[in-house]
Amino acid sequence: MRVFFIGVCGTAMGNAAVLLKKLGHQVAGSDAGVYPPMSEVLQSAGIDLFEGFAEQEMLDWKPDRVVVGNAVSRGNPQVEFLLRTRSIPFVSLPELIGEDLIGNRPAVVIAGTHGKTTTTALTSFALSQAGVEPGYLIGGVPLDLPSGNELGGPTAPFIIEGDEYDSAFFDKRSKFIHYRPKVLVLNNLEFDHGDIFRDLSDISRSFSHLLRIVPSDGFVLINGDDPNLLALPDAPWTRIISVGVGEENDFRIVDFAEDGQGTRFKLTWLGATVMEVSWKMPGLFNARNLAMATLASVLSQCTDAGDVSSAKDLNPFATAHLPDFTECSGVKRRQEILHDSEKLVVLSDFAHHPTAIAGALESLRARWPGREIIACFEPRSNTAVTNVFEDRFADALAHADLALFGAVHRAEKIPEDKRIDPQAMIRRIENSGKTAFAFSENFEIADFLESEVKDSIPTLVVFFNLVDAHPDHLASVGDVRWIDHSLSIRLMVWTASAKPWVSERAMMLCPMLYS
């Protein structure tokens, strides 16, 4: 079959296109911006790429089927042709994944507001360690696996993150509905995606729909410390196992500790210790991701649990292979260290929700005690650019010593009365005794840091939602390590002991990185 992807350079679209190619299909795709690293991944897989959305280019390629990406909307010339002529069948990406990639294989679906990508990567890693040959589709760049996509064995579990966002402009169901989980992981539940959900009850309704399609011989792993998840309707038709810190949980995280050497904790099953973990990934939130991944991988190996009706009648750890996460790094851009010296640490973090930002900053404080922490935040997601979380973002960023706000992404498209107000956030942060500044252009943050970061003060700078660095964008010239960071900000970090920040001079010296 010849399959054409509209919006192929998105992470999920690109990885799905690669998997479809591995299945033996002919694959091509179009996108507004065809650039590394995804363009190189697709081209190396033998996928034809077209810049822009000209309908004739799609027609000349002669597709049998078209996959329409979630970011694609009405007005796209190729979409309009599909709707006008009805000459080529088209589907959403989640429908394609559910039908063509997962099919009849047992699906391990990782859902929740936070931690989906990391937990999906850890679960895939754990099952790979066990020799299960899982399939997986990861919405990020895993650091412990060869790639973010793998077909796996024909009957092996398929692990995928279950996004609650809608499927396509023509299918407003949450993506995860298409995946039909055998093992469902519910990490947490908070309000998010204010562009498509009205409130918490609206998003909770979508999660309750997901619960309804877990079979009787499946499992639901639920964060037993999350009141919003516990408030979901009962699901008596399947087996629910609670995971968390609280004593009432079936699978518990106990004796958690974190310092500059990493994190340490134990995992207990119904009171008995089954694993002791010492690893380098930060925070209690990642300990919970690991616990979910461990249990999901163990249950996926359990072949004799079909008649067991309760967690208390099950000992999945008796025969299953237990993963070793000691050297795991998780996923790119999750507290990813870009620079580490005695005076300056620079990190990139994908956190874009107040809860995730607060948790990340608490973890950074434990890992690097005594450093001045500067948090740089660009309101960029569809929810972050509105004022729905204005106060909560301010309170989260107040965990840093200094907060710097970048430009509100596409601010002109948001009504002023709905738009996040950085000045109001600054006032709230200052009322808590901390300092904050806002900038109208993101490059001004680099200039500010160049002038304000002092060699005499050990400093940690973390970028939330500003930085998108890829190994392909790294180069070295003399004493300077150059990091090109997508469209948001271009930031350069000295690797020598000289001044930590340069900006305009860097672009003059190495213009080829910025062409």
Protein backbone atom coordinates (compact mmCIF):
# COMPACT_ATOMS: atom_id res chain seq x y z
CA MET A 1 0.00 0.00 0.00
CA ARG A 2 1.11 3.58 -0.70
CA VAL A 3 0.50 5.78 2.35
CA PHE A 4 0.90 9.56 2.41
CA PHE A 5 1.27 11.54 5.68
CA ILE A 6 0.13 15.18 5.83
CA GLY A 7 2.23 16.79 8.58
CA VAL A 8 4.83 14.03 8.54
CA CYS A 9 7.60 15.84 10.47
CA GLY A 10 5.83 15.79 13.83
CA THR A 11 7.46 13.37 16.28
CA ALA A 12 4.55 10.92 16.44
CA MET A 13 3.74 11.21 12.72
CA GLY A 14 7.36 10.70 11.71
CA ASN A 15 7.88 7.66 13.96
CA ALA A 16 4.62 6.11 12.77
CA ALA A 17 5.66 6.69 9.15
CA VAL A 18 8.94 4.87 9.82
CA LEU A 19 7.10 1.92 11.39
CA LEU A 20 4.73 1.72 8.43
CA LYS A 21 7.74 1.67 6.13
CA LYS A 22 9.18 -1.21 8.18
CA LEU A 23 5.91 -3.08 7.61
CA GLY A 24 6.66 -2.99 3.90
CA HIS A 25 4.44 -0.10 2.75
CA GLN A 26 5.54 2.70 0.43
CA VAL A 27 5.48 5.92 2.47
CA ALA A 28 5.72 9.63 1.68
CA GLY A 29 4.73 12.82 3.44
CA SER A 30 4.46 16.58 3.39
CA ASP A 31 5.03 19.31 5.94
CA ALA A 32 5.39 23.05 6.15
CA GLY A 33 8.89 22.78 7.55
CA VAL A 34 11.04 19.84 6.49
CA TYR A 35 14.20 20.11 8.60
CA PRO A 36 16.54 18.03 10.81
CA PRO A 37 16.49 15.95 12.80
CA MET A 38 13.15 14.43 11.68
CA SER A 39 13.79 15.06 7.99
CA GLU A 40 17.02 13.07 8.22
CA VAL A 41 15.31 10.23 10.12
CA LEU A 42 12.60 10.01 7.47
CA GLN A 43 14.96 10.23 4.52
CA SER A 44 17.24 7.56 5.97
CA ALA A 45 14.17 5.29 6.22
CA GLY A 46 13.49 5.78 2.51
CA ILE A 47 10.47 8.03 2.95
CA ASP A 48 9.79 10.64 0.25
CA LEU A 49 9.40 14.18 1.61
CA PHE A 50 7.61 17.20 0.12
CA GLU A 51 7.99 20.76 1.38
CA GLY A 52 4.60 22.45 1.61
CA PHE A 53 1.12 21.08 0.94
CA ALA A 54 0.66 21.33 -2.83
CA GLU A 55 -2.19 19.00 -3.81
CA GLN A 56 -0.56 18.11 -7.14
CA GLU A 57 2.54 16.71 -5.46
CA MET A 58 0.36 14.41 -3.35
CA LEU A 59 -1.63 13.35 -6.42
CA ASP A 60 1.47 12.71 -8.51
CA TRP A 61 2.74 10.35 -5.80
CA LYS A 62 -0.54 8.35 -6.17
CA PRO A 63 -1.37 7.40 -2.55
CA ASP A 64 -3.83 4.65 -1.70
CA ARG A 65 -4.42 6.13 1.75
CA VAL A 66 -3.71 9.42 3.50
CA VAL A 67 -2.94 10.00 7.19
CA VAL A 68 -3.95 13.45 8.44
CA GLY A 69 -1.91 14.77 11.35
CA ASN A 70 -3.42 16.36 14.44
CA ALA A 71 -1.77 19.71 13.69
CA VAL A 72 -3.37 19.84 10.24
CA SER A 73 -6.61 21.83 9.88
CA ARG A 74 -9.12 23.04 7.33
CA GLY A 75 -7.64 25.28 4.67
CA ASN A 76 -4.71 22.96 4.05
CA PRO A 77 -4.74 22.44 0.25
CA GLN A 78 -4.20 18.68 0.48
CA VAL A 79 -6.94 18.33 3.10
CA GLU A 80 -9.34 20.40 1.03
CA PHE A 81 -8.69 18.16 -1.97
CA LEU A 82 -9.47 15.05 0.11
CA LEU A 83 -12.72 16.54 1.37
CA ARG A 84 -13.78 17.93 -2.00
CA THR A 85 -13.12 14.86 -4.16
CA ARG A 86 -13.41 11.98 -1.66
CA SER A 87 -11.22 10.10 -4.10
CA ILE A 88 -8.63 8.89 -1.53
CA PRO A 89 -9.48 7.33 1.87
CA PHE A 90 -8.02 9.22 4.84
CA VAL A 91 -7.62 8.47 8.55
CA SER A 92 -6.29 10.12 11.68
CA LEU A 93 -2.91 9.06 13.03
CA PRO A 94 -4.36 7.38 16.17
CA GLU A 95 -6.74 5.33 14.01
CA LEU A 96 -3.83 4.20 11.84
CA ILE A 97 -1.79 3.26 14.93
CA GLY A 98 -4.65 1.34 16.49
CA GLU A 99 -5.56 -0.61 13.39
CA ASP A 100 -2.28 -1.05 11.51
CA LEU A 101 0.49 -0.94 14.12
CA ILE A 102 -1.15 -2.36 17.25
CA GLY A 103 -3.82 -4.52 15.66
CA ASN A 104 -4.53 -7.60 17.80
CA ARG A 105 -1.36 -7.29 19.88
CA PRO A 106 -1.72 -6.57 23.62
CA ALA A 107 -1.44 -2.80 24.01
CA VAL A 108 0.27 -1.17 26.99
CA VAL A 109 -1.11 2.37 27.00
CA ILE A 110 0.56 5.03 29.17
CA ALA A 111 -1.84 7.88 29.94
CA GLY A 112 -1.90 10.90 32.25
CA THR A 113 -1.19 14.61 32.29
CA HIS A 114 2.52 14.20 33.06
CA GLY A 115 5.18 11.56 32.54
CA LYS A 116 3.72 9.72 29.55
CA THR A 117 6.81 9.83 27.35
CA THR A 118 9.26 8.90 30.11
CA THR A 119 7.08 6.04 31.37
CA THR A 120 6.59 4.73 27.82
CA ALA A 121 10.36 4.77 27.25
CA LEU A 122 11.07 3.04 30.57
CA THR A 123 8.43 0.36 29.96
CA SER A 124 9.81 -0.29 26.48
CA PHE A 125 13.32 -0.52 27.92
CA ALA A 126 12.21 -2.92 30.68
CA LEU A 127 10.47 -5.29 28.26
CA SER A 128 13.43 -5.13 25.88
CA GLN A 129 15.67 -6.14 28.80
CA ALA A 130 13.35 -9.08 29.46
CA GLY A 131 13.78 -10.32 25.89
CA VAL A 132 10.12 -9.79 25.02
CA GLU A 133 10.85 -7.85 21.78
CA PRO A 134 8.13 -5.24 22.35
CA GLY A 135 6.85 -2.81 19.77
CA TYR A 136 6.73 0.79 20.84
CA LEU A 137 6.05 4.31 19.69
CA ILE A 138 7.57 7.03 21.89
CA GLY A 139 6.70 10.71 21.54
CA GLY A 140 10.24 11.86 22.26
CA VAL A 141 13.87 10.84 21.88
CA PRO A 142 14.67 7.91 24.24
CA LEU A 143 18.24 7.85 25.52
CA ASP A 144 18.31 4.14 26.41
CA LEU A 145 16.84 2.65 23.23
CA PRO A 146 18.09 2.64 19.63
CA SER A 147 15.15 4.76 18.43
CA GLY A 148 11.72 6.04 19.38
CA ASN A 149 9.96 3.40 17.33
CA GLU A 150 10.11 -0.36 16.93
CA LEU A 151 7.74 -2.91 15.42
CA GLY A 152 8.75 -5.69 17.80
CA GLY A 153 7.59 -9.29 17.59
CA PRO A 154 4.27 -10.05 15.86
CA THR A 155 2.54 -11.11 19.12
CA ALA A 156 4.60 -9.09 21.61
CA PRO A 157 3.12 -6.17 23.57
CA PHE A 158 3.01 -2.76 21.92
CA ILE A 159 3.75 0.17 24.23
CA ILE A 160 2.43 3.61 23.38
CA GLU A 161 1.72 6.83 25.20
CA GLY A 162 -1.99 7.54 25.33
CA ASP A 163 -2.49 11.23 24.71
CA GLU A 164 -5.82 12.70 25.80
CA TYR A 165 -5.65 15.34 23.06
CA ASP A 166 -8.09 15.02 20.17
CA SER A 167 -7.28 12.77 17.21
CA ALA A 168 -7.77 15.09 14.22
CA PHE A 169 -9.87 18.02 13.05
CA PHE A 170 -12.51 15.46 11.93
CA ASP A 171 -12.25 13.19 15.02
CA LYS A 172 -12.54 14.94 18.38
CA ARG A 173 -12.19 11.79 20.46
CA SER A 174 -9.06 11.55 22.59
CA LYS A 175 -6.25 9.72 20.82
CA PHE A 176 -6.00 7.00 23.47
CA ILE A 177 -9.50 5.71 22.68
CA HIS A 178 -8.11 4.19 19.48
CA TYR A 179 -5.47 2.05 21.26
CA ARG A 180 -7.70 -0.46 23.15
CA PRO A 181 -5.36 -1.10 26.13
CA LYS A 182 -4.74 -4.49 27.70
CA VAL A 183 -2.60 -2.79 30.36
CA LEU A 184 -3.53 0.82 31.08
CA VAL A 185 -1.27 3.11 33.12
CA LEU A 186 -2.86 6.24 34.61
CA ASN A 187 0.02 8.38 35.87
CA ASN A 188 -1.98 11.39 37.04
CA LEU A 189 -4.88 13.61 36.05
CA GLU A 190 -4.98 17.41 35.99
CA PHE A 191 -6.64 20.02 33.87
CA ASP A 192 -4.71 20.75 30.68
CA HIS A 193 -5.32 21.40 26.99
CA GLY A 194 -7.65 24.29 27.66
CA ASP A 195 -8.11 24.72 23.91
CA ILE A 196 -10.22 21.54 23.68
CA PHE A 197 -11.33 20.77 27.27
CA ARG A 198 -13.57 23.11 29.25
CA ASP A 199 -12.51 22.05 32.75
CA LEU A 200 -11.29 19.15 34.86
CA SER A 201 -14.61 17.32 34.69
CA ASP A 202 -14.48 17.50 30.90
CA ILE A 203 -11.04 15.91 30.71
CA SER A 204 -11.98 13.39 33.43
CA ARG A 205 -14.89 12.27 31.27
CA SER A 206 -12.45 11.35 28.50
CA PHE A 207 -10.37 9.29 30.95
CA SER A 208 -13.50 7.50 32.14
CA HIS A 209 -14.24 6.57 28.51
CA LEU A 210 -10.77 5.03 28.32
CA LEU A 211 -11.41 2.97 31.45
CA ARG A 212 -14.52 1.49 29.85
CA ILE A 213 -12.60 -0.29 27.10
CA VAL A 214 -10.06 -2.15 29.28
CA PRO A 215 -10.98 -5.87 29.06
CA SER A 216 -11.73 -8.11 32.02
CA ASP A 217 -8.38 -9.87 31.68
CA GLY A 218 -6.50 -6.57 31.54
CA PHE A 219 -5.06 -4.31 34.22
CA VAL A 220 -5.39 -0.66 35.17
CA LEU A 221 -2.41 0.76 37.07
CA ILE A 222 -3.60 3.89 38.80
CA ASN A 223 -1.70 6.52 40.76
CA GLY A 224 -3.27 5.93 44.15
CA ASP A 225 -1.98 9.27 45.47
CA ASP A 226 -3.92 11.30 42.90
CA PRO A 227 -7.38 12.36 44.13
CA ASN A 228 -8.54 13.23 40.61
CA LEU A 229 -7.88 9.69 39.41
CA LEU A 230 -9.47 8.19 42.50
CA ALA A 231 -12.59 10.24 41.74
CA LEU A 232 -13.08 8.54 38.36
CA PRO A 233 -16.03 6.14 38.11
CA ASP A 234 -15.44 2.59 39.31
CA ALA A 235 -14.40 0.01 36.73
CA PRO A 236 -15.57 -3.31 38.25
CA TRP A 237 -15.11 -5.17 34.95
CA THR A 238 -11.31 -5.09 35.17
CA ARG A 239 -8.48 -5.32 37.70
CA ILE A 240 -7.21 -2.09 39.22
CA ILE A 241 -3.84 -1.91 40.98
CA SER A 242 -2.85 1.24 42.88
CA VAL A 243 0.71 2.58 42.71
CA GLY A 244 2.21 5.34 44.83
CA VAL A 245 3.71 6.50 48.10
CA GLY A 246 0.68 6.23 50.40
CA GLU A 247 0.28 3.17 52.61
CA GLU A 248 -3.00 2.21 50.95
CA ASN A 249 -1.29 1.48 47.60
CA ASP A 250 -0.69 -2.07 46.37
CA PHE A 251 2.66 -1.22 44.77
CA ARG A 252 4.54 1.34 46.87
CA ILE A 253 7.52 3.67 46.62
CA VAL A 254 9.16 3.75 50.07
CA ASP A 255 12.26 5.32 51.63
CA PHE A 256 12.67 7.85 48.81
CA ALA A 257 15.81 10.02 49.04
CA GLU A 258 17.47 12.41 46.60
CA ASP A 259 20.78 14.27 46.61
CA GLY A 260 23.64 15.17 44.31
CA GLN A 261 24.45 11.50 43.78
CA GLY A 262 20.99 10.61 42.43
CA THR A 263 17.82 9.08 43.86
CA ARG A 264 17.28 5.94 45.93
CA PHE A 265 14.12 4.11 46.95
CA LYS A 266 12.47 0.71 47.38
CA LEU A 267 9.48 -0.80 45.61
CA THR A 268 7.17 -3.03 47.63
CA TRP A 269 4.38 -5.33 46.45
CA LEU A 270 1.64 -5.79 49.06
CA GLY A 271 4.16 -4.88 51.76
CA ALA A 272 7.09 -7.04 50.60
CA THR A 273 10.19 -5.43 49.04
CA VAL A 274 10.68 -6.58 45.44
CA MET A 275 13.24 -4.02 44.17
CA GLU A 276 15.80 -1.56 45.48
CA VAL A 277 16.51 1.25 43.05
CA SER A 278 19.48 3.58 42.83
CA TRP A 279 19.56 5.63 39.66
CA LYS A 280 20.42 9.04 38.29
CA MET A 281 17.03 10.26 37.11
CA PRO A 282 15.62 13.06 39.28
CA GLY A 283 12.59 13.50 41.47
CA LEU A 284 9.78 11.58 43.06
CA PHE A 285 7.81 12.03 39.82
CA ASN A 286 10.36 9.90 37.98
CA ALA A 287 10.36 7.34 40.77
CA ARG A 288 6.62 6.99 40.15
CA ASN A 289 7.27 6.72 36.39
CA LEU A 290 9.73 3.91 37.11
CA ALA A 291 7.29 2.13 39.42
CA MET A 292 4.56 2.27 36.76
CA ALA A 293 6.97 1.05 34.06
CA THR A 294 8.22 -1.79 36.25
CA LEU A 295 4.74 -3.05 37.08
CA ALA A 296 3.48 -2.64 33.51
CA SER A 297 6.44 -4.63 32.17
CA VAL A 298 6.04 -7.35 34.79
CA LEU A 299 2.30 -7.71 34.15
CA SER A 300 2.95 -7.85 30.40
CA GLN A 301 5.14 -10.91 31.06
CA CYS A 302 2.50 -12.58 33.26
CA THR A 303 0.77 -15.21 31.15
CA ASP A 304 -1.26 -16.98 33.85
CA ALA A 305 -3.20 -14.09 35.37
CA GLY A 306 -6.34 -14.39 33.26
CA ASP A 307 -8.44 -15.93 36.04
CA VAL A 308 -7.08 -13.76 38.85
CA SER A 309 -9.69 -11.22 39.90
CA SER A 310 -7.71 -9.17 42.45
CA ALA A 311 -4.20 -7.84 42.87
CA LYS A 312 -4.03 -9.54 46.25
CA ASP A 313 -4.36 -12.94 44.54
CA LEU A 314 -1.52 -12.22 42.16
CA ASN A 315 2.26 -12.31 42.52
CA PRO A 316 3.53 -11.06 39.17
CA PHE A 317 7.08 -10.75 40.49
CA ALA A 318 7.49 -14.46 41.13
CA THR A 319 8.68 -15.36 37.64
CA ALA A 320 8.98 -12.12 35.67
CA HIS A 321 12.29 -10.54 34.70
CA LEU A 322 12.91 -7.47 36.87
CA PRO A 323 14.40 -4.48 35.04
CA ASP A 324 17.66 -2.78 35.96
CA PHE A 325 17.27 0.99 35.54
CA THR A 326 20.59 1.92 37.18
CA GLU A 327 22.11 3.53 34.09
CA CYS A 328 18.87 4.78 32.53
CA SER A 329 18.72 8.37 31.34
CA GLY A 330 15.09 8.40 30.22
CA VAL A 331 14.14 10.79 27.43
CA LYS A 332 15.83 13.77 25.87
CA ARG A 333 14.83 17.19 27.26
CA ARG A 334 13.78 15.83 30.68
CA GLN A 335 16.24 17.72 32.89
CA GLU A 336 18.78 17.16 30.13
CA ILE A 337 22.18 18.59 31.10
CA LEU A 338 23.54 20.81 28.33
CA HIS A 339 26.50 22.11 30.29
CA ASP A 340 27.98 21.14 33.67
CA SER A 341 30.88 22.91 35.31
CA GLU A 342 31.82 24.01 38.79
CA LYS A 343 30.31 27.45 38.24
CA LEU A 344 27.50 26.84 35.75
CA VAL A 345 24.96 24.09 35.07
CA VAL A 346 22.53 24.48 32.14
CA LEU A 347 19.54 22.19 31.65
CA SER A 348 16.70 21.80 29.20
CA ASP A 349 13.36 20.52 30.47
CA PHE A 350 10.13 19.89 28.64
CA ALA A 351 7.91 20.74 31.63
CA HIS A 352 5.09 23.03 30.51
CA HIS A 353 2.49 22.56 33.26
CA PRO A 354 2.70 24.20 36.72
CA THR A 355 2.81 20.88 38.58
CA ALA A 356 5.63 19.57 36.40
CA ILE A 357 7.64 22.80 36.71
CA ALA A 358 7.28 22.88 40.50
CA GLY A 359 8.35 19.23 40.78
CA ALA A 360 11.33 19.79 38.50
CA LEU A 361 12.54 22.81 40.48
CA GLU A 362 12.18 20.99 43.82
CA SER A 363 14.26 18.15 42.39
CA LEU A 364 16.91 20.54 41.05
CA ARG A 365 17.19 22.18 44.47
CA ALA A 366 17.86 18.75 46.04
CA ARG A 367 20.37 17.75 43.38
CA TRP A 368 22.35 20.98 43.28
CA PRO A 369 22.10 22.43 46.79
CA GLY A 370 23.60 25.86 47.27
CA ARG A 371 23.29 26.99 43.64
CA GLU A 372 21.34 30.00 42.55
CA ILE A 373 18.57 28.66 40.31
CA ILE A 374 17.39 30.69 37.30
CA ALA A 375 14.24 29.38 35.60
CA CYS A 376 13.56 30.55 32.03
CA PHE A 377 10.03 29.95 30.83
CA GLU A 378 8.33 30.61 27.51
CA PRO A 379 4.51 30.34 27.57
CA ARG A 380 4.15 28.18 24.49
CA SER A 381 1.62 25.37 24.85
CA ASN A 382 -2.04 25.95 24.01
CA THR A 383 -2.87 26.12 27.72
CA ALA A 384 0.22 27.99 28.90
CA VAL A 385 -0.44 30.98 26.64
CA THR A 386 -3.79 31.59 28.34
CA ASN A 387 -4.39 32.92 31.84
CA VAL A 388 -5.96 29.69 33.09
CA PHE A 389 -2.77 28.75 35.00
CA GLU A 390 -1.38 32.25 35.44
CA ASP A 391 -1.22 32.15 39.25
CA ARG A 392 -0.12 28.51 39.35
CA PHE A 393 2.73 29.13 36.89
CA ALA A 394 3.88 32.05 39.04
CA ASP A 395 3.79 29.94 42.21
CA ALA A 396 5.67 27.10 40.49
CA LEU A 397 8.39 29.38 39.12
CA ALA A 398 8.78 30.98 42.55
CA HIS A 399 10.60 27.76 43.54
CA ALA A 400 13.55 29.26 41.61
CA ASP A 401 15.60 32.22 42.84
CA LEU A 402 15.01 34.13 39.62
CA ALA A 403 12.34 33.62 36.94
CA LEU A 404 12.72 34.91 33.39
CA PHE A 405 9.72 34.98 31.05
CA GLY A 406 10.14 34.76 27.32
CA ALA A 407 7.67 35.98 24.73
CA VAL A 408 4.15 34.59 24.78
CA HIS A 409 3.97 32.30 21.76
CA ARG A 410 1.65 33.66 19.05
CA ALA A 411 0.27 36.21 21.49
CA GLU A 412 -1.51 38.12 18.73
CA LYS A 413 -3.89 35.17 18.24
CA ILE A 414 -5.11 35.18 21.85
CA PRO A 415 -7.69 37.74 23.06
CA GLU A 416 -6.12 40.07 25.60
CA ASP A 417 -8.61 39.12 28.32
CA LYS A 418 -7.68 35.42 27.86
CA ARG A 419 -3.92 35.86 27.41
CA ILE A 420 -1.40 35.11 30.13
CA ASP A 421 0.01 38.28 31.68
CA PRO A 422 3.73 38.04 32.56
CA GLN A 423 3.57 41.32 34.49
CA ALA A 424 0.87 39.93 36.77
CA MET A 425 3.03 36.83 37.30
CA ILE A 426 6.03 39.00 38.14
CA ARG A 427 4.03 40.83 40.81
CA ARG A 428 2.90 37.54 42.33
CA ILE A 429 6.46 36.15 42.35
CA GLU A 430 7.84 39.33 43.90
CA ASN A 431 5.18 39.13 46.61
CA SER A 432 6.65 35.74 47.53
CA GLY A 433 10.08 37.31 48.00
CA LYS A 434 11.63 36.20 44.71
CA THR A 435 12.65 38.11 41.55
CA ALA A 436 11.32 37.90 38.00
CA PHE A 437 11.69 39.69 34.66
CA ALA A 438 9.77 39.46 31.38
CA PHE A 439 11.13 39.97 27.85
CA SER A 440 9.34 40.75 24.62
CA GLU A 441 11.85 38.72 22.55
CA ASN A 442 13.43 35.42 23.54
CA PHE A 443 16.94 36.37 22.46
CA GLU A 444 16.88 39.04 25.16
CA ILE A 445 17.07 36.27 27.75
CA ALA A 446 20.49 35.24 26.45
CA ASP A 447 21.66 38.86 26.58
CA PHE A 448 20.36 39.17 30.15
CA LEU A 449 22.12 35.99 31.23
CA GLU A 450 25.35 37.10 29.57
CA SER A 451 25.38 40.26 31.68
CA GLU A 452 23.95 38.88 34.93
CA VAL A 453 25.38 35.38 35.45
CA LYS A 454 28.53 35.85 37.54
CA ASP A 455 31.47 33.48 37.78
CA SER A 456 31.58 34.10 41.53
CA ILE A 457 28.13 32.57 42.15
CA PRO A 458 27.52 28.87 41.36
CA THR A 459 24.44 28.99 39.15
CA LEU A 460 21.95 26.58 37.59
CA VAL A 461 19.93 27.75 34.58
CA VAL A 462 16.97 25.65 33.45
CA PHE A 463 14.96 26.32 30.30
CA PHE A 464 11.32 25.26 30.38
CA ASN A 465 9.78 24.94 26.92
CA LEU A 466 12.32 27.29 25.37
CA VAL A 467 15.01 24.92 24.23
CA ASP A 468 14.82 22.15 21.69
CA ALA A 469 18.38 21.01 21.23
CA HIS A 470 19.38 18.03 19.11
CA PRO A 471 22.81 16.39 18.76
CA ASP A 472 22.70 17.31 15.10
CA HIS A 473 22.76 20.95 16.08
CA LEU A 474 25.92 20.79 18.18
CA ALA A 475 29.34 21.91 17.01
CA SER A 476 32.53 23.26 18.56
CA VAL A 477 34.63 26.26 17.60
CA GLY A 478 37.58 26.98 19.87
CA ASP A 479 36.47 27.34 23.47
CA VAL A 480 32.82 27.70 22.64
CA ARG A 481 30.18 25.01 22.48
CA TRP A 482 27.43 26.17 20.20
CA ILE A 483 23.91 24.99 20.67
CA ASP A 484 21.25 25.84 18.13
CA HIS A 485 17.83 25.69 19.71
CA SER A 486 15.05 25.70 17.11
CA LEU A 487 12.86 28.76 16.64
CA SER A 488 12.52 29.84 20.24
CA ILE A 489 15.95 30.88 21.39
CA ARG A 490 19.52 30.50 20.27
CA LEU A 491 21.72 30.00 23.24
CA MET A 492 25.46 29.47 23.41
CA VAL A 493 27.34 28.06 26.39
CA TRP A 494 31.06 28.38 27.02
CA THR A 495 32.73 25.04 27.75
CA ALA A 496 35.89 26.72 29.01
CA SER A 497 36.13 28.78 32.17
CA ALA A 498 35.56 32.06 30.33
CA LYS A 499 32.33 34.05 30.33
CA PRO A 500 29.41 31.60 30.35
CA TRP A 501 27.16 33.32 27.82
CA VAL A 502 27.66 34.74 24.37
CA SER A 503 25.05 35.62 21.78
CA GLU A 504 25.59 38.06 18.90
CA ARG A 505 29.32 37.34 18.77
CA ALA A 506 28.61 33.64 18.46
CA MET A 507 26.32 34.10 15.50
CA MET A 508 28.92 36.29 13.77
CA LEU A 509 31.66 33.69 14.30
CA CYS A 510 29.64 30.68 13.22
CA PRO A 511 26.86 31.85 10.90
CA MET A 512 26.42 28.49 9.19
CA LEU A 513 24.62 27.15 12.24
CA TYR A 514 22.00 29.86 11.91
CA SER A 515 21.31 29.90 8.20
